[in-house]
């Protein structure tokens, strides 16, 4: 299986999914990566705040940052090759680069909602 690594800009926490207003793209990515992990697929993820040394140690990332600055982040690499810069990979791109079926993006568990009478998607 291919190895995917995502190098992210500085964030307040490992996932960036925190604070009063959550970035929907980071939420999507975290959900996808959690579902992949539940299905036995690990995608490495590093952000500049928590893992600065890996940005120095990886020659490709170090070079990108020196030439393009942090505006190039996020950078996604697959098997050591850059496959995307300045944006996170889509769900389809993740599956394509890892040679996976989209079924890997599905959680392995089913959430059963209680019937509380809320039909509009909110819960009591």
PDB file of N, CA and C in Angstrom:
ATOM      1  N   UNK A   1       0.844  -1.180   0.000  1.00  0.00           N
ATOM      2  CA  UNK A   1       0.000   0.000   0.000  1.00  0.00           C
ATOM      3  C   UNK A   1       0.885   1.239   0.000  1.00  0.00           C
ATOM      4  N   UNK A   2       0.437   2.271  -0.661  1.00  0.00           N
ATOM      5  CA  UNK A   2       1.170   3.523  -0.726  1.00  0.00           C
ATOM      6  C   UNK A   2       1.154   4.230   0.618  1.00  0.00           C
ATOM      7  N   UNK A   3       2.137   5.094   0.818  1.00  0.00           N
ATOM      8  CA  UNK A   3       2.252   5.863   2.051  1.00  0.00           C
ATOM      9  C   UNK A   3       1.911   7.323   1.756  1.00  0.00           C
ATOM     10  N   UNK A   4       0.855   7.824   2.401  1.00  0.00           N
ATOM     11  CA  UNK A   4       0.447   9.220   2.235  1.00  0.00           C
ATOM     12  C   UNK A   4       0.814   9.993   3.492  1.00  0.00           C
ATOM     13  N   UNK A   5       1.421  11.176   3.269  1.00  0.00           N
ATOM     14  CA  UNK A   5       1.785  12.067   4.368  1.00  0.00           C
ATOM     15  C   UNK A   5       1.267  13.457   4.015  1.00  0.00           C
ATOM     16  N   UNK A   6       0.589  14.080   4.969  1.00  0.00           N
ATOM     17  CA  UNK A   6       0.066  15.432   4.767  1.00  0.00           C
ATOM     18  C   UNK A   6       0.807  16.371   5.708  1.00  0.00           C
ATOM     19  N   UNK A   7       1.446  17.391   5.137  1.00  0.00           N
ATOM     20  CA  UNK A   7       2.161  18.412   5.890  1.00  0.00           C
ATOM     21  C   UNK A   7       1.275  19.655   5.924  1.00  0.00           C
ATOM     22  N   UNK A   8       0.893  20.068   7.128  1.00  0.00           N
ATOM     23  CA  UNK A   8      -0.092  21.134   7.278  1.00  0.00           C
ATOM     24  C   UNK A   8       0.514  22.407   7.863  1.00  0.00           C
ATOM     25  N   UNK A   9      -0.165  23.536   7.660  1.00  0.00           N
ATOM     26  CA  UNK A   9       0.304  24.773   8.279  1.00  0.00           C
ATOM     27  C   UNK A   9       0.172  24.700   9.796  1.00  0.00           C
ATOM     28  N   UNK A  10       0.691  25.708  10.470  1.00  0.00           N
ATOM     29  CA  UNK A  10       0.597  25.773  11.926  1.00  0.00           C
ATOM     30  C   UNK A  10      -0.867  25.821  12.349  1.00  0.00           C
ATOM     31  N   UNK A  11      -1.205  24.979  13.331  1.00  0.00           N
ATOM     32  CA  UNK A  11      -2.565  24.930  13.868  1.00  0.00           C
ATOM     33  C   UNK A  11      -2.497  24.835  15.380  1.00  0.00           C
ATOM     34  N   UNK A  12      -3.604  25.132  16.024  1.00  0.00           N
ATOM     35  CA  UNK A  12      -3.644  25.130  17.482  1.00  0.00           C
ATOM     36  C   UNK A  12      -3.599  23.728  18.087  1.00  0.00           C
ATOM     37  N   UNK A  13      -3.971  22.718  17.313  1.00  0.00           N
ATOM     38  CA  UNK A  13      -3.966  21.344  17.813  1.00  0.00           C
ATOM     39  C   UNK A  13      -3.635  20.400  16.655  1.00  0.00           C
ATOM     40  N   UNK A  14      -3.532  19.115  16.934  1.00  0.00           N
ATOM     41  CA  UNK A  14      -3.144  18.141  15.906  1.00  0.00           C
ATOM     42  C   UNK A  14      -4.046  18.135  14.681  1.00  0.00           C
ATOM     43  N   UNK A  15      -5.327  18.327  14.885  1.00  0.00           N
ATOM     44  CA  UNK A  15      -6.269  18.230  13.769  1.00  0.00           C
ATOM     45  C   UNK A  15      -6.754  19.573  13.255  1.00  0.00           C
ATOM     46  N   UNK A  16      -6.627  20.618  14.067  1.00  0.00           N
ATOM     47  CA  UNK A  16      -7.160  21.921  13.693  1.00  0.00           C
ATOM     48  C   UNK A  16      -8.657  22.025  13.885  1.00  0.00           C
ATOM     49  N   UNK A  17      -9.271  20.946  14.370  1.00  0.00           N
ATOM     50  CA  UNK A  17     -10.716  20.923  14.576  1.00  0.00           C
ATOM     51  C   UNK A  17     -10.980  21.287  16.031  1.00  0.00           C
ATOM     52  N   UNK A  18     -10.917  22.574  16.303  1.00  0.00           N
ATOM     53  CA  UNK A  18     -11.132  23.055  17.660  1.00  0.00           C
ATOM     54  C   UNK A  18     -11.540  24.524  17.590  1.00  0.00           C
ATOM     55  N   UNK A  19     -11.868  25.083  18.717  1.00  0.00           N
ATOM     56  CA  UNK A  19     -12.247  26.480  18.753  1.00  0.00           C
ATOM     57  C   UNK A  19     -13.712  26.689  18.465  1.00  0.00           C
ATOM     58  N   UNK A  20     -14.141  27.940  18.511  1.00  0.00           N
ATOM     59  CA  UNK A  20     -15.559  28.239  18.354  1.00  0.00           C
ATOM     60  C   UNK A  20     -16.093  28.052  16.937  1.00  0.00           C
ATOM     61  N   UNK A  21     -15.246  28.213  15.928  1.00  0.00           N
ATOM     62  CA  UNK A  21     -15.711  28.002  14.547  1.00  0.00           C
ATOM     63  C   UNK A  21     -14.801  26.982  13.882  1.00  0.00           C
ATOM     64  N   UNK A  22     -15.369  25.851  13.535  1.00  0.00           N
ATOM     65  CA  UNK A  22     -14.609  24.737  12.982  1.00  0.00           C
ATOM     66  C   UNK A  22     -14.541  24.860  11.461  1.00  0.00           C
ATOM     67  N   UNK A  23     -13.338  24.738  10.912  1.00  0.00           N
ATOM     68  CA  UNK A  23     -13.130  24.746   9.465  1.00  0.00           C
ATOM     69  C   UNK A  23     -13.711  23.446   8.907  1.00  0.00           C
ATOM     70  N   UNK A  24     -14.687  23.552   8.021  1.00  0.00           N
ATOM     71  CA  UNK A  24     -15.376  22.379   7.484  1.00  0.00           C
ATOM     72  C   UNK A  24     -14.429  21.461   6.706  1.00  0.00           C
ATOM     73  N   UNK A  25     -13.439  22.028   6.047  1.00  0.00           N
ATOM     74  CA  UNK A  25     -12.483  21.206   5.295  1.00  0.00           C
ATOM     75  C   UNK A  25     -11.634  20.367   6.243  1.00  0.00           C
ATOM     76  N   UNK A  26     -11.222  20.944   7.372  1.00  0.00           N
ATOM     77  CA  UNK A  26     -10.463  20.182   8.372  1.00  0.00           C
ATOM     78  C   UNK A  26     -11.334  19.116   9.021  1.00  0.00           C
ATOM     79  N   UNK A  27     -12.591  19.421   9.227  1.00  0.00           N
ATOM     80  CA  UNK A  27     -13.521  18.431   9.779  1.00  0.00           C
ATOM     81  C   UNK A  27     -13.686  17.269   8.812  1.00  0.00           C
ATOM     82  N   UNK A  28     -13.850  17.568   7.515  1.00  0.00           N
ATOM     83  CA  UNK A  28     -13.965  16.517   6.493  1.00  0.00           C
ATOM     84  C   UNK A  28     -12.717  15.645   6.499  1.00  0.00           C
ATOM     85  N   UNK A  29     -11.546  16.279   6.487  1.00  0.00           N
ATOM     86  CA  UNK A  29     -10.300  15.523   6.444  1.00  0.00           C
ATOM     87  C   UNK A  29     -10.146  14.643   7.681  1.00  0.00           C
ATOM     88  N   UNK A  30     -10.430  15.186   8.851  1.00  0.00           N
ATOM     89  CA  UNK A  30     -10.321  14.397  10.084  1.00  0.00           C
ATOM     90  C   UNK A  30     -11.259  13.201  10.070  1.00  0.00           C
ATOM     91  N   UNK A  31     -12.470  13.403   9.579  1.00  0.00           N
ATOM     92  CA  UNK A  31     -13.435  12.309   9.490  1.00  0.00           C
ATOM     93  C   UNK A  31     -12.946  11.231   8.533  1.00  0.00           C
ATOM     94  N   UNK A  32     -12.468  11.648   7.369  1.00  0.00           N
ATOM     95  CA  UNK A  32     -11.958  10.694   6.375  1.00  0.00           C
ATOM     96  C   UNK A  32     -10.780   9.919   6.948  1.00  0.00           C
ATOM     97  N   UNK A  33      -9.835  10.607   7.577  1.00  0.00           N
ATOM     98  CA  UNK A  33      -8.655   9.922   8.110  1.00  0.00           C
ATOM     99  C   UNK A  33      -9.008   8.993   9.261  1.00  0.00           C
ATOM    100  N   UNK A  34      -9.988   9.383  10.077  1.00  0.00           N
ATOM    101  CA  UNK A  34     -10.455   8.486  11.149  1.00  0.00           C
ATOM    102  C   UNK A  34     -11.106   7.239  10.559  1.00  0.00           C
ATOM    103  N   UNK A  35     -11.914   7.409   9.520  1.00  0.00           N
ATOM    104  CA  UNK A  35     -12.556   6.251   8.884  1.00  0.00           C
ATOM    105  C   UNK A  35     -11.514   5.349   8.232  1.00  0.00           C
ATOM    106  N   UNK A  36     -10.508   5.932   7.602  1.00  0.00           N
ATOM    107  CA  UNK A  36      -9.433   5.120   7.017  1.00  0.00           C
ATOM    108  C   UNK A  36      -8.712   4.326   8.104  1.00  0.00           C
ATOM    109  N   UNK A  37      -8.412   4.990   9.223  1.00  0.00           N
ATOM    110  CA  UNK A  37      -7.721   4.312  10.333  1.00  0.00           C
ATOM    111  C   UNK A  37      -8.569   3.158  10.857  1.00  0.00           C
ATOM    112  N   UNK A  38      -9.893   3.368  10.968  1.00  0.00           N
ATOM    113  CA  UNK A  38     -10.802   2.304  11.412  1.00  0.00           C
ATOM    114  C   UNK A  38     -10.783   1.113  10.455  1.00  0.00           C
ATOM    115  N   UNK A  39     -10.444   1.374   9.205  1.00  0.00           N
ATOM    116  CA  UNK A  39     -10.371   0.326   8.183  1.00  0.00           C
ATOM    117  C   UNK A  39      -8.934  -0.149   7.950  1.00  0.00           C
ATOM    118  N   UNK A  40      -8.021   0.196   8.866  1.00  0.00           N
ATOM    119  CA  UNK A  40      -6.656  -0.306   8.799  1.00  0.00           C
ATOM    120  C   UNK A  40      -5.708   0.460   7.900  1.00  0.00           C
ATOM    121  N   UNK A  41      -6.076   1.673   7.475  1.00  0.00           N
ATOM    122  CA  UNK A  41      -5.224   2.476   6.600  1.00  0.00           C
ATOM    123  C   UNK A  41      -4.760   3.701   7.375  1.00  0.00           C
ATOM    124  N   UNK A  42      -3.451   3.881   7.471  1.00  0.00           N
ATOM    125  CA  UNK A  42      -2.896   5.014   8.210  1.00  0.00           C
ATOM    126  C   UNK A  42      -2.372   6.058   7.239  1.00  0.00           C
ATOM    127  N   UNK A  43      -2.833   7.290   7.404  1.00  0.00           N
ATOM    128  CA  UNK A  43      -2.297   8.441   6.676  1.00  0.00           C
ATOM    129  C   UNK A  43      -1.625   9.308   7.721  1.00  0.00           C
ATOM    130  N   UNK A  44      -0.350   9.596   7.518  1.00  0.00           N
ATOM    131  CA  UNK A  44       0.390  10.426   8.463  1.00  0.00           C
ATOM    132  C   UNK A  44       0.027  11.887   8.234  1.00  0.00           C
ATOM    133  N   UNK A  45      -0.007  12.624   9.328  1.00  0.00           N
ATOM    134  CA  UNK A  45      -0.417  14.020   9.282  1.00  0.00           C
ATOM    135  C   UNK A  45       0.436  14.815  10.257  1.00  0.00           C
ATOM    136  N   UNK A  46       1.103  15.845   9.758  1.00  0.00           N
ATOM    137  CA  UNK A  46       1.981  16.661  10.600  1.00  0.00           C
ATOM    138  C   UNK A  46       1.640  18.129  10.412  1.00  0.00           C
ATOM    139  N   UNK A  47       1.578  18.879  11.522  1.00  0.00           N
ATOM    140  CA  UNK A  47       1.396  20.315  11.380  1.00  0.00           C
ATOM    141  C   UNK A  47       2.622  21.036  11.912  1.00  0.00           C
ATOM    142  N   UNK A  48       2.838  22.216  11.385  1.00  0.00           N
ATOM    143  CA  UNK A  48       4.044  22.985  11.641  1.00  0.00           C
ATOM    144  C   UNK A  48       4.225  23.352  13.107  1.00  0.00           C
ATOM    145  N   UNK A  49       3.137  23.502  13.840  1.00  0.00           N
ATOM    146  CA  UNK A  49       3.223  23.856  15.255  1.00  0.00           C
ATOM    147  C   UNK A  49       3.729  22.687  16.091  1.00  0.00           C
ATOM    148  N   UNK A  50       3.132  21.517  15.895  1.00  0.00           N
ATOM    149  CA  UNK A  50       3.431  20.361  16.750  1.00  0.00           C
ATOM    150  C   UNK A  50       4.590  19.507  16.269  1.00  0.00           C
ATOM    151  N   UNK A  51       4.949  19.581  15.001  1.00  0.00           N
ATOM    152  CA  UNK A  51       5.991  18.715  14.439  1.00  0.00           C
ATOM    153  C   UNK A  51       6.970  19.500  13.567  1.00  0.00           C
ATOM    154  N   UNK A  52       7.548  20.588  14.062  1.00  0.00           N
ATOM    155  CA  UNK A  52       8.397  21.421  13.194  1.00  0.00           C
ATOM    156  C   UNK A  52       9.623  20.696  12.652  1.00  0.00           C
ATOM    157  N   UNK A  53      10.180  19.764  13.396  1.00  0.00           N
ATOM    158  CA  UNK A  53      11.418  19.109  12.969  1.00  0.00           C
ATOM    159  C   UNK A  53      11.247  18.299  11.688  1.00  0.00           C
ATOM    160  N   UNK A  54      10.078  17.673  11.511  1.00  0.00           N
ATOM    161  CA  UNK A  54       9.876  16.876  10.300  1.00  0.00           C
ATOM    162  C   UNK A  54       9.852  17.763   9.056  1.00  0.00           C
ATOM    163  N   UNK A  55       9.443  19.024   9.202  1.00  0.00           N
ATOM    164  CA  UNK A  55       9.455  19.962   8.084  1.00  0.00           C
ATOM    165  C   UNK A  55      10.890  20.327   7.702  1.00  0.00           C
ATOM    166  N   UNK A  56      11.785  20.274   8.656  1.00  0.00           N
ATOM    167  CA  UNK A  56      13.213  20.528   8.409  1.00  0.00           C
ATOM    168  C   UNK A  56      13.877  19.274   7.856  1.00  0.00           C
ATOM    169  N   UNK A  57      13.542  18.126   8.420  1.00  0.00           N
ATOM    170  CA  UNK A  57      14.192  16.869   8.042  1.00  0.00           C
ATOM    171  C   UNK A  57      13.802  16.374   6.650  1.00  0.00           C
ATOM    172  N   UNK A  58      12.560  16.641   6.226  1.00  0.00           N
ATOM    173  CA  UNK A  58      12.121  16.190   4.910  1.00  0.00           C
ATOM    174  C   UNK A  58      12.636  17.180   3.868  1.00  0.00           C
ATOM    175  N   UNK A  59      13.564  16.754   3.043  1.00  0.00           N
ATOM    176  CA  UNK A  59      14.211  17.658   2.081  1.00  0.00           C
ATOM    177  C   UNK A  59      13.226  18.299   1.109  1.00  0.00           C
ATOM    178  N   UNK A  60      12.267  17.529   0.651  1.00  0.00           N
ATOM    179  CA  UNK A  60      11.285  18.057  -0.301  1.00  0.00           C
ATOM    180  C   UNK A  60      10.453  19.161   0.340  1.00  0.00           C
ATOM    181  N   UNK A  61       9.933  18.912   1.528  1.00  0.00           N
ATOM    182  CA  UNK A  61       9.113  19.905   2.224  1.00  0.00           C
ATOM    183  C   UNK A  61       9.956  21.121   2.588  1.00  0.00           C
ATOM    184  N   UNK A  62      11.164  20.882   3.051  1.00  0.00           N
ATOM    185  CA  UNK A  62      12.068  21.975   3.400  1.00  0.00           C
ATOM    186  C   UNK A  62      12.302  22.877   2.187  1.00  0.00           C
ATOM    187  N   UNK A  63      12.533  22.276   1.038  1.00  0.00           N
ATOM    188  CA  UNK A  63      12.754  23.021  -0.194  1.00  0.00           C
ATOM    189  C   UNK A  63      11.507  23.817  -0.603  1.00  0.00           C
ATOM    190  N   UNK A  64      10.345  23.192  -0.518  1.00  0.00           N
ATOM    191  CA  UNK A  64       9.092  23.883  -0.857  1.00  0.00           C
ATOM    192  C   UNK A  64       8.893  25.101   0.045  1.00  0.00           C
ATOM    193  N   UNK A  65       9.112  24.924   1.338  1.00  0.00           N
ATOM    194  CA  UNK A  65       8.937  26.038   2.269  1.00  0.00           C
ATOM    195  C   UNK A  65       9.931  27.161   1.992  1.00  0.00           C
ATOM    196  N   UNK A  66      11.178  26.807   1.658  1.00  0.00           N
ATOM    197  CA  UNK A  66      12.185  27.833   1.346  1.00  0.00           C
ATOM    198  C   UNK A  66      11.844  28.582   0.068  1.00  0.00           C
ATOM    199  N   UNK A  67      11.298  27.892  -0.927  1.00  0.00           N
ATOM    200  CA  UNK A  67      11.011  28.507  -2.223  1.00  0.00           C
ATOM    201  C   UNK A  67       9.646  29.195  -2.271  1.00  0.00           C
ATOM    202  N   UNK A  68       8.642  28.590  -1.648  1.00  0.00           N
ATOM    203  CA  UNK A  68       7.271  29.087  -1.781  1.00  0.00           C
ATOM    204  C   UNK A  68       6.676  29.631  -0.496  1.00  0.00           C
ATOM    205  N   UNK A  69       7.318  29.357   0.626  1.00  0.00           N
ATOM    206  CA  UNK A  69       6.797  29.805   1.912  1.00  0.00           C
ATOM    207  C   UNK A  69       5.673  28.931   2.418  1.00  0.00           C
ATOM    208  N   UNK A  70       5.149  29.305   3.570  1.00  0.00           N
ATOM    209  CA  UNK A  70       4.095  28.500   4.197  1.00  0.00           C
ATOM    210  C   UNK A  70       2.786  28.538   3.409  1.00  0.00           C
ATOM    211  N   UNK A  71       2.690  29.439   2.448  1.00  0.00           N
ATOM    212  CA  UNK A  71       1.496  29.500   1.607  1.00  0.00           C
ATOM    213  C   UNK A  71       1.324  28.231   0.770  1.00  0.00           C
ATOM    214  N   UNK A  72       2.399  27.457   0.606  1.00  0.00           N
ATOM    215  CA  UNK A  72       2.330  26.207  -0.147  1.00  0.00           C
ATOM    216  C   UNK A  72       1.617  25.107   0.634  1.00  0.00           C
ATOM    217  N   UNK A  73       1.502  25.263   1.950  1.00  0.00           N
ATOM    218  CA  UNK A  73       0.867  24.257   2.794  1.00  0.00           C
ATOM    219  C   UNK A  73      -0.654  24.351   2.685  1.00  0.00           C
ATOM    220  N   UNK A  74      -1.362  23.250   2.823  1.00  0.00           N
ATOM    221  CA  UNK A  74      -0.874  21.900   3.055  1.00  0.00           C
ATOM    222  C   UNK A  74      -0.252  21.293   1.801  1.00  0.00           C
ATOM    223  N   UNK A  75       0.693  20.376   2.040  1.00  0.00           N
ATOM    224  CA  UNK A  75       1.332  19.619   0.967  1.00  0.00           C
ATOM    225  C   UNK A  75       1.076  18.143   1.245  1.00  0.00           C
ATOM    226  N   UNK A  76       0.605  17.438   0.230  1.00  0.00           N
ATOM    227  CA  UNK A  76       0.364  15.999   0.360  1.00  0.00           C
ATOM    228  C   UNK A  76       1.393  15.262  -0.473  1.00  0.00           C
ATOM    229  N   UNK A  77       2.035  14.283   0.161  1.00  0.00           N
ATOM    230  CA  UNK A  77       3.018  13.445  -0.523  1.00  0.00           C
ATOM    231  C   UNK A  77       2.545  11.999  -0.493  1.00  0.00           C
ATOM    232  N   UNK A  78       2.780  11.289  -1.585  1.00  0.00           N
ATOM    233  CA  UNK A  78       2.498   9.863  -1.658  1.00  0.00           C
ATOM    234  C   UNK A  78       3.773   9.183  -2.118  1.00  0.00           C
ATOM    235  N   UNK A  79       4.253   8.256  -1.304  1.00  0.00           N
ATOM    236  CA  UNK A  79       5.494   7.530  -1.585  1.00  0.00           C
ATOM    237  C   UNK A  79       6.643   8.484  -1.931  1.00  0.00           C
ATOM    238  N   UNK A  80       6.714   9.595  -1.176  1.00  0.00           N
ATOM    239  CA  UNK A  80       7.821  10.529  -1.323  1.00  0.00           C
ATOM    240  C   UNK A  80       7.661  11.565  -2.417  1.00  0.00           C
ATOM    241  N   UNK A  81       6.568  11.511  -3.172  1.00  0.00           N
ATOM    242  CA  UNK A  81       6.340  12.458  -4.266  1.00  0.00           C
ATOM    243  C   UNK A  81       5.199  13.413  -3.907  1.00  0.00           C
ATOM    244  N   UNK A  82       5.377  14.684  -4.215  1.00  0.00           N
ATOM    245  CA  UNK A  82       4.325  15.669  -3.975  1.00  0.00           C
ATOM    246  C   UNK A  82       3.198  15.440  -4.975  1.00  0.00           C
ATOM    247  N   UNK A  83       1.975  15.283  -4.448  1.00  0.00           N
ATOM    248  CA  UNK A  83       0.814  15.086  -5.318  1.00  0.00           C
ATOM    249  C   UNK A  83      -0.174  16.251  -5.247  1.00  0.00           C
ATOM    250  N   UNK A  84      -0.031  17.104  -4.218  1.00  0.00           N
ATOM    251  CA  UNK A  84      -0.939  18.253  -4.113  1.00  0.00           C
ATOM    252  C   UNK A  84      -0.327  19.291  -3.177  1.00  0.00           C
ATOM    253  N   UNK A  85      -0.496  20.560  -3.547  1.00  0.00           N
ATOM    254  CA  UNK A  85      -0.054  21.669  -2.711  1.00  0.00           C
ATOM    255  C   UNK A  85      -1.182  22.680  -2.579  1.00  0.00           C
ATOM    256  N   UNK A  86      -1.155  23.434  -1.509  1.00  0.00           N
ATOM    257  CA  UNK A  86      -2.060  24.553  -1.233  1.00  0.00           C
ATOM    258  C   UNK A  86      -3.511  24.153  -0.998  1.00  0.00           C
ATOM    259  N   UNK A  87      -3.790  22.879  -0.913  1.00  0.00           N
ATOM    260  CA  UNK A  87      -5.152  22.410  -0.626  1.00  0.00           C
ATOM    261  C   UNK A  87      -5.073  20.963  -0.154  1.00  0.00           C
ATOM    262  N   UNK A  88      -6.065  20.562   0.608  1.00  0.00           N
ATOM    263  CA  UNK A  88      -6.137  19.175   1.047  1.00  0.00           C
ATOM    264  C   UNK A  88      -6.677  18.308  -0.083  1.00  0.00           C
ATOM    265  N   UNK A  89      -6.250  17.046  -0.133  1.00  0.00           N
ATOM    266  CA  UNK A  89      -6.787  16.162  -1.178  1.00  0.00           C
ATOM    267  C   UNK A  89      -8.269  15.879  -0.933  1.00  0.00           C
ATOM    268  N   UNK A  90      -9.004  15.765  -2.025  1.00  0.00           N
ATOM    269  CA  UNK A  90     -10.426  15.406  -1.922  1.00  0.00           C
ATOM    270  C   UNK A  90     -10.529  13.942  -1.505  1.00  0.00           C
ATOM    271  N   UNK A  91     -11.709  13.514  -1.145  1.00  0.00           N
ATOM    272  CA  UNK A  91     -11.936  12.106  -0.803  1.00  0.00           C
ATOM    273  C   UNK A  91     -11.548  11.207  -1.974  1.00  0.00           C
ATOM    274  N   UNK A  92     -11.934  11.621  -3.181  1.00  0.00           N
ATOM    275  CA  UNK A  92     -11.632  10.827  -4.369  1.00  0.00           C
ATOM    276  C   UNK A  92     -10.125  10.755  -4.621  1.00  0.00           C
ATOM    277  N   UNK A  93      -9.432  11.875  -4.423  1.00  0.00           N
ATOM    278  CA  UNK A  93      -7.977  11.885  -4.604  1.00  0.00           C
ATOM    279  C   UNK A  93      -7.280  10.978  -3.591  1.00  0.00           C
ATOM    280  N   UNK A  94      -7.759  11.001  -2.361  1.00  0.00           N
ATOM    281  CA  UNK A  94      -7.170  10.131  -1.333  1.00  0.00           C
ATOM    282  C   UNK A  94      -7.308   8.672  -1.761  1.00  0.00           C
ATOM    283  N   UNK A  95      -8.504   8.270  -2.172  1.00  0.00           N
ATOM    284  CA  UNK A  95      -8.724   6.886  -2.604  1.00  0.00           C
ATOM    285  C   UNK A  95      -7.882   6.548  -3.823  1.00  0.00           C
ATOM    286  N   UNK A  96      -7.813   7.454  -4.768  1.00  0.00           N
ATOM    287  CA  UNK A  96      -7.022   7.224  -5.980  1.00  0.00           C
ATOM    288  C   UNK A  96      -5.545   7.038  -5.648  1.00  0.00           C
ATOM    289  N   UNK A  97      -4.981   7.932  -4.842  1.00  0.00           N
ATOM    290  CA  UNK A  97      -3.553   7.862  -4.516  1.00  0.00           C
ATOM    291  C   UNK A  97      -3.199   6.641  -3.675  1.00  0.00           C
ATOM    292  N   UNK A  98      -4.148   6.169  -2.880  1.00  0.00           N
ATOM    293  CA  UNK A  98      -3.888   5.002  -2.028  1.00  0.00           C
ATOM    294  C   UNK A  98      -4.422   3.708  -2.643  1.00  0.00           C
ATOM    295  N   UNK A  99      -4.951   3.806  -3.851  1.00  0.00           N
ATOM    296  CA  UNK A  99      -5.516   2.639  -4.543  1.00  0.00           C
ATOM    297  C   UNK A  99      -6.563   1.929  -3.688  1.00  0.00           C
ATOM    298  N   UNK A 100      -7.497   2.719  -3.175  1.00  0.00           N
ATOM    299  CA  UNK A 100      -8.545   2.192  -2.307  1.00  0.00           C
ATOM    300  C   UNK A 100      -9.921   2.429  -2.916  1.00  0.00           C
ATOM    301  N   UNK A 101     -10.835   1.561  -2.561  1.00  0.00           N
ATOM    302  CA  UNK A 101     -12.241   1.762  -2.897  1.00  0.00           C
ATOM    303  C   UNK A 101     -12.788   2.846  -1.965  1.00  0.00           C
ATOM    304  N   UNK A 102     -13.788   3.570  -2.432  1.00  0.00           N
ATOM    305  CA  UNK A 102     -14.397   4.588  -1.575  1.00  0.00           C
ATOM    306  C   UNK A 102     -15.079   3.975  -0.353  1.00  0.00           C
ATOM    307  N   UNK A 103     -15.284   2.671  -0.351  1.00  0.00           N
ATOM    308  CA  UNK A 103     -15.882   2.019   0.817  1.00  0.00           C
ATOM    309  C   UNK A 103     -14.978   2.146   2.043  1.00  0.00           C
ATOM    310  N   UNK A 104     -13.680   2.384   1.829  1.00  0.00           N
ATOM    311  CA  UNK A 104     -12.760   2.580   2.953  1.00  0.00           C
ATOM    312  C   UNK A 104     -13.058   3.874   3.700  1.00  0.00           C
ATOM    313  N   UNK A 105     -13.770   4.780   3.085  1.00  0.00           N
ATOM    314  CA  UNK A 105     -14.086   6.051   3.733  1.00  0.00           C
ATOM    315  C   UNK A 105     -15.276   5.941   4.666  1.00  0.00           C
ATOM    316  N   UNK A 106     -15.960   4.807   4.628  1.00  0.00           N
ATOM    317  CA  UNK A 106     -17.124   4.605   5.482  1.00  0.00           C
ATOM    318  C   UNK A 106     -16.672   4.145   6.856  1.00  0.00           C
ATOM    319  N   UNK A 107     -17.312   4.657   7.878  1.00  0.00           N
ATOM    320  CA  UNK A 107     -17.013   4.238   9.243  1.00  0.00           C
ATOM    321  C   UNK A 107     -17.421   2.783   9.414  1.00  0.00           C
ATOM    322  N   UNK A 108     -16.713   2.075  10.288  1.00  0.00           N
ATOM    323  CA  UNK A 108     -17.010   0.667  10.519  1.00  0.00           C
ATOM    324  C   UNK A 108     -18.149   0.447  11.504  1.00  0.00           C
ATOM    325  N   UNK A 109     -18.686   1.505  12.034  1.00  0.00           N
ATOM    326  CA  UNK A 109     -19.761   1.374  13.008  1.00  0.00           C
ATOM    327  C   UNK A 109     -20.971   2.135  12.516  1.00  0.00           C
ATOM    328  N   UNK A 110     -22.131   1.749  12.994  1.00  0.00           N
ATOM    329  CA  UNK A 110     -23.367   2.432  12.633  1.00  0.00           C
ATOM    330  C   UNK A 110     -23.850   3.222  13.844  1.00  0.00           C
ATOM    331  N   UNK A 111     -24.196   4.460  13.623  1.00  0.00           N
ATOM    332  CA  UNK A 111     -24.752   5.283  14.689  1.00  0.00           C
ATOM    333  C   UNK A 111     -26.266   5.191  14.587  1.00  0.00           C
ATOM    334  N   UNK A 112     -26.883   4.778  15.665  1.00  0.00           N
ATOM    335  CA  UNK A 112     -28.336   4.652  15.693  1.00  0.00           C
ATOM    336  C   UNK A 112     -28.879   5.797  16.538  1.00  0.00           C
ATOM    337  N   UNK A 113     -29.633   6.658  15.921  1.00  0.00           N
ATOM    338  CA  UNK A 113     -30.194   7.801  16.620  1.00  0.00           C
ATOM    339  C   UNK A 113     -31.450   7.384  17.379  1.00  0.00           C
ATOM    340  N   UNK A 114     -31.616   7.951  18.540  1.00  0.00           N
ATOM    341  CA  UNK A 114     -32.846   7.722  19.292  1.00  0.00           C
ATOM    342  C   UNK A 114     -33.980   8.455  18.590  1.00  0.00           C
ATOM    343  N   UNK A 115     -35.149   7.902  18.648  1.00  0.00           N
ATOM    344  CA  UNK A 115     -36.310   8.560  18.055  1.00  0.00           C
ATOM    345  C   UNK A 115     -36.865   9.539  19.077  1.00  0.00           C
ATOM    346  N   UNK A 116     -36.337  10.764  19.021  1.00  0.00           N
ATOM    347  CA  UNK A 116     -36.767  11.762  20.012  1.00  0.00           C
ATOM    348  C   UNK A 116     -37.834  12.687  19.456  1.00  0.00           C
ATOM    349  N   UNK A 117     -38.237  12.451  18.204  1.00  0.00           N
ATOM    350  CA  UNK A 117     -39.273  13.279  17.624  1.00  0.00           C
ATOM    351  C   UNK A 117     -38.758  14.458  16.833  1.00  0.00           C
ATOM    352  N   UNK A 118     -37.449  14.619  16.756  1.00  0.00           N
ATOM    353  CA  UNK A 118     -36.872  15.715  15.985  1.00  0.00           C
ATOM    354  C   UNK A 118     -36.673  15.233  14.546  1.00  0.00           C
ATOM    355  N   UNK A 119     -37.442  15.728  13.654  1.00  0.00           N
ATOM    356  CA  UNK A 119     -37.370  15.291  12.262  1.00  0.00           C
ATOM    357  C   UNK A 119     -36.545  16.218  11.398  1.00  0.00           C
ATOM    358  N   UNK A 120     -36.063  17.311  11.956  1.00  0.00           N
ATOM    359  CA  UNK A 120     -35.326  18.274  11.160  1.00  0.00           C
ATOM    360  C   UNK A 120     -33.818  18.057  11.220  1.00  0.00           C
ATOM    361  N   UNK A 121     -33.341  16.966  11.778  1.00  0.00           N
ATOM    362  CA  UNK A 121     -31.918  16.665  11.831  1.00  0.00           C
ATOM    363  C   UNK A 121     -31.263  17.117  13.126  1.00  0.00           C
ATOM    364  N   UNK A 122     -31.922  17.940  13.898  1.00  0.00           N
ATOM    365  CA  UNK A 122     -31.377  18.323  15.196  1.00  0.00           C
ATOM    366  C   UNK A 122     -31.883  17.327  16.223  1.00  0.00           C
ATOM    367  N   UNK A 123     -31.241  17.277  17.332  1.00  0.00           N
ATOM    368  CA  UNK A 123     -31.676  16.326  18.345  1.00  0.00           C
ATOM    369  C   UNK A 123     -32.042  17.058  19.618  1.00  0.00           C
ATOM    370  N   UNK A 124     -32.954  16.484  20.353  1.00  0.00           N
ATOM    371  CA  UNK A 124     -33.447  17.102  21.591  1.00  0.00           C
ATOM    372  C   UNK A 124     -32.401  17.086  22.675  1.00  0.00           C
TER     373      UNK A 124
END
